[in-house]
Amino acid sequence: MGDLISEYTELLQQQELRIQTVSAEIEALKTSQNPSSARLEEAMEECSRLKYRFNILSRALQKERARCGHSEVN
């Protein structure tokens, strides 16, 4: 069970870094002199997908931690 928690934690960290990277790219595109609206839209969609996946992983990690904690108590 600890391996699953470690795996989820690592995936969450990777997703969080990717969200930060895409968010920075979105800001750069918004402030550039000649923003590519297609690329900006694509980056914003990717960021939304990443945030959605991040939330799913976060909930799964919370459930797994609760389950492991519950097992240790019994």
C-alpha atoms as a PDB file:
ATOM      1  CA  MET A   1       0.000   0.000   0.000  1.00  0.00           C
ATOM      2  CA  GLY A   2       2.890   2.305   0.699  1.00  0.00           C
ATOM      3  CA  ASP A   3       4.060   1.830  -2.891  1.00  0.00           C
ATOM      4  CA  LEU A   4       0.722   3.017  -4.213  1.00  0.00           C
ATOM      5  CA  ILE A   5       0.861   6.121  -2.033  1.00  0.00           C
ATOM      6  CA  SER A   6       4.403   6.834  -3.232  1.00  0.00           C
ATOM      7  CA  GLU A   7       3.301   6.379  -6.833  1.00  0.00           C
ATOM      8  CA  TYR A   8       0.325   8.733  -6.417  1.00  0.00           C
ATOM      9  CA  THR A   9       2.496  11.293  -4.644  1.00  0.00           C
ATOM     10  CA  GLU A  10       5.048  11.212  -7.460  1.00  0.00           C
ATOM     11  CA  LEU A  11       2.321  11.559 -10.096  1.00  0.00           C
ATOM     12  CA  LEU A  12       0.838  14.516  -8.206  1.00  0.00           C
ATOM     13  CA  GLN A  13       4.214  16.230  -8.084  1.00  0.00           C
ATOM     14  CA  GLN A  14       4.731  15.693 -11.813  1.00  0.00           C
ATOM     15  CA  GLN A  15       1.266  17.044 -12.604  1.00  0.00           C
ATOM     16  CA  GLU A  16       1.802  20.061 -10.380  1.00  0.00           C
ATOM     17  CA  LEU A  17       5.070  20.906 -12.159  1.00  0.00           C
ATOM     18  CA  ARG A  18       3.411  20.522 -15.562  1.00  0.00           C
ATOM     19  CA  ILE A  19       0.527  22.774 -14.483  1.00  0.00           C
ATOM     20  CA  GLN A  20       3.023  25.427 -13.398  1.00  0.00           C
ATOM     21  CA  THR A  21       4.881  25.153 -16.714  1.00  0.00           C
ATOM     22  CA  VAL A  22       1.721  25.439 -18.805  1.00  0.00           C
ATOM     23  CA  SER A  23       0.416  28.306 -16.648  1.00  0.00           C
ATOM     24  CA  ALA A  24       3.672  30.194 -17.190  1.00  0.00           C
ATOM     25  CA  GLU A  25       3.405  29.554 -20.933  1.00  0.00           C
ATOM     26  CA  ILE A  26      -0.164  30.887 -20.911  1.00  0.00           C
ATOM     27  CA  GLU A  27       0.947  34.066 -19.154  1.00  0.00           C
ATOM     28  CA  ALA A  28       3.813  34.507 -21.625  1.00  0.00           C
ATOM     29  CA  LEU A  29       1.422  34.100 -24.550  1.00  0.00           C
ATOM     30  CA  LYS A  30      -1.035  36.579 -23.031  1.00  0.00           C
ATOM     31  CA  THR A  31       1.623  39.263 -22.587  1.00  0.00           C
ATOM     32  CA  SER A  32       3.483  38.768 -25.878  1.00  0.00           C
ATOM     33  CA  GLN A  33       3.218  41.343 -28.651  1.00  0.00           C
ATOM     34  CA  ASN A  34       1.861  38.835 -31.152  1.00  0.00           C
ATOM     35  CA  PRO A  35       0.058  36.113 -29.221  1.00  0.00           C
ATOM     36  CA  SER A  36      -0.861  33.030 -31.179  1.00  0.00           C
ATOM     37  CA  SER A  37      -4.483  32.622 -30.206  1.00  0.00           C
ATOM     38  CA  ALA A  38      -4.490  28.987 -31.332  1.00  0.00           C
ATOM     39  CA  ARG A  39      -1.495  28.155 -29.145  1.00  0.00           C
ATOM     40  CA  LEU A  40      -2.936  30.133 -26.233  1.00  0.00           C
ATOM     41  CA  GLU A  41      -6.229  28.257 -26.482  1.00  0.00           C
ATOM     42  CA  GLU A  42      -4.376  24.938 -26.738  1.00  0.00           C
ATOM     43  CA  ALA A  43      -2.282  25.742 -23.662  1.00  0.00           C
ATOM     44  CA  MET A  44      -5.342  26.793 -21.685  1.00  0.00           C
ATOM     45  CA  GLU A  45      -7.131  23.546 -22.592  1.00  0.00           C
ATOM     46  CA  GLU A  46      -4.073  21.523 -21.583  1.00  0.00           C
ATOM     47  CA  CYS A  47      -3.922  23.360 -18.273  1.00  0.00           C
ATOM     48  CA  SER A  48      -7.582  22.596 -17.621  1.00  0.00           C
ATOM     49  CA  ARG A  49      -7.044  18.905 -18.382  1.00  0.00           C
ATOM     50  CA  LEU A  50      -3.997  18.793 -16.124  1.00  0.00           C
ATOM     51  CA  LYS A  51      -5.857  20.430 -13.252  1.00  0.00           C
ATOM     52  CA  TYR A  52      -8.697  17.929 -13.674  1.00  0.00           C
ATOM     53  CA  ARG A  53      -6.273  14.983 -13.596  1.00  0.00           C
ATOM     54  CA  PHE A  54      -4.461  16.546 -10.639  1.00  0.00           C
ATOM     55  CA  ASN A  55      -7.712  16.685  -8.678  1.00  0.00           C
ATOM     56  CA  ILE A  56      -8.494  13.050  -9.492  1.00  0.00           C
ATOM     57  CA  LEU A  57      -5.035  11.945  -8.359  1.00  0.00           C
ATOM     58  CA  SER A  58      -5.271  14.066  -5.232  1.00  0.00           C
ATOM     59  CA  ARG A  59      -8.585  12.479  -4.234  1.00  0.00           C
ATOM     60  CA  ALA A  60      -7.230   8.988  -4.946  1.00  0.00           C
ATOM     61  CA  LEU A  61      -4.191   9.708  -2.781  1.00  0.00           C
ATOM     62  CA  GLN A  62      -6.392  10.957   0.057  1.00  0.00           C
ATOM     63  CA  LYS A  63      -8.541   7.815  -0.137  1.00  0.00           C
ATOM     64  CA  GLU A  64      -5.487   5.560  -0.176  1.00  0.00           C
ATOM     65  CA  ARG A  65      -3.951   7.342   2.802  1.00  0.00           C
ATOM     66  CA  ALA A  66      -7.229   7.051   4.717  1.00  0.00           C
ATOM     67  CA  ARG A  67      -7.478   3.382   3.847  1.00  0.00           C
ATOM     68  CA  CYS A  68      -3.885   2.727   4.940  1.00  0.00           C
ATOM     69  CA  GLY A  69      -4.448   4.658   8.154  1.00  0.00           C
ATOM     70  CA  HIS A  70      -7.630   2.700   8.817  1.00  0.00           C
ATOM     71  CA  SER A  71      -5.816  -0.606   8.209  1.00  0.00           C
ATOM     72  CA  GLU A  72      -3.041   0.327  10.619  1.00  0.00           C
ATOM     73  CA  VAL A  73      -5.565   1.106  13.373  1.00  0.00           C
ATOM     74  CA  ASN A  74      -7.239  -2.321  13.078  1.00  0.00           C
END
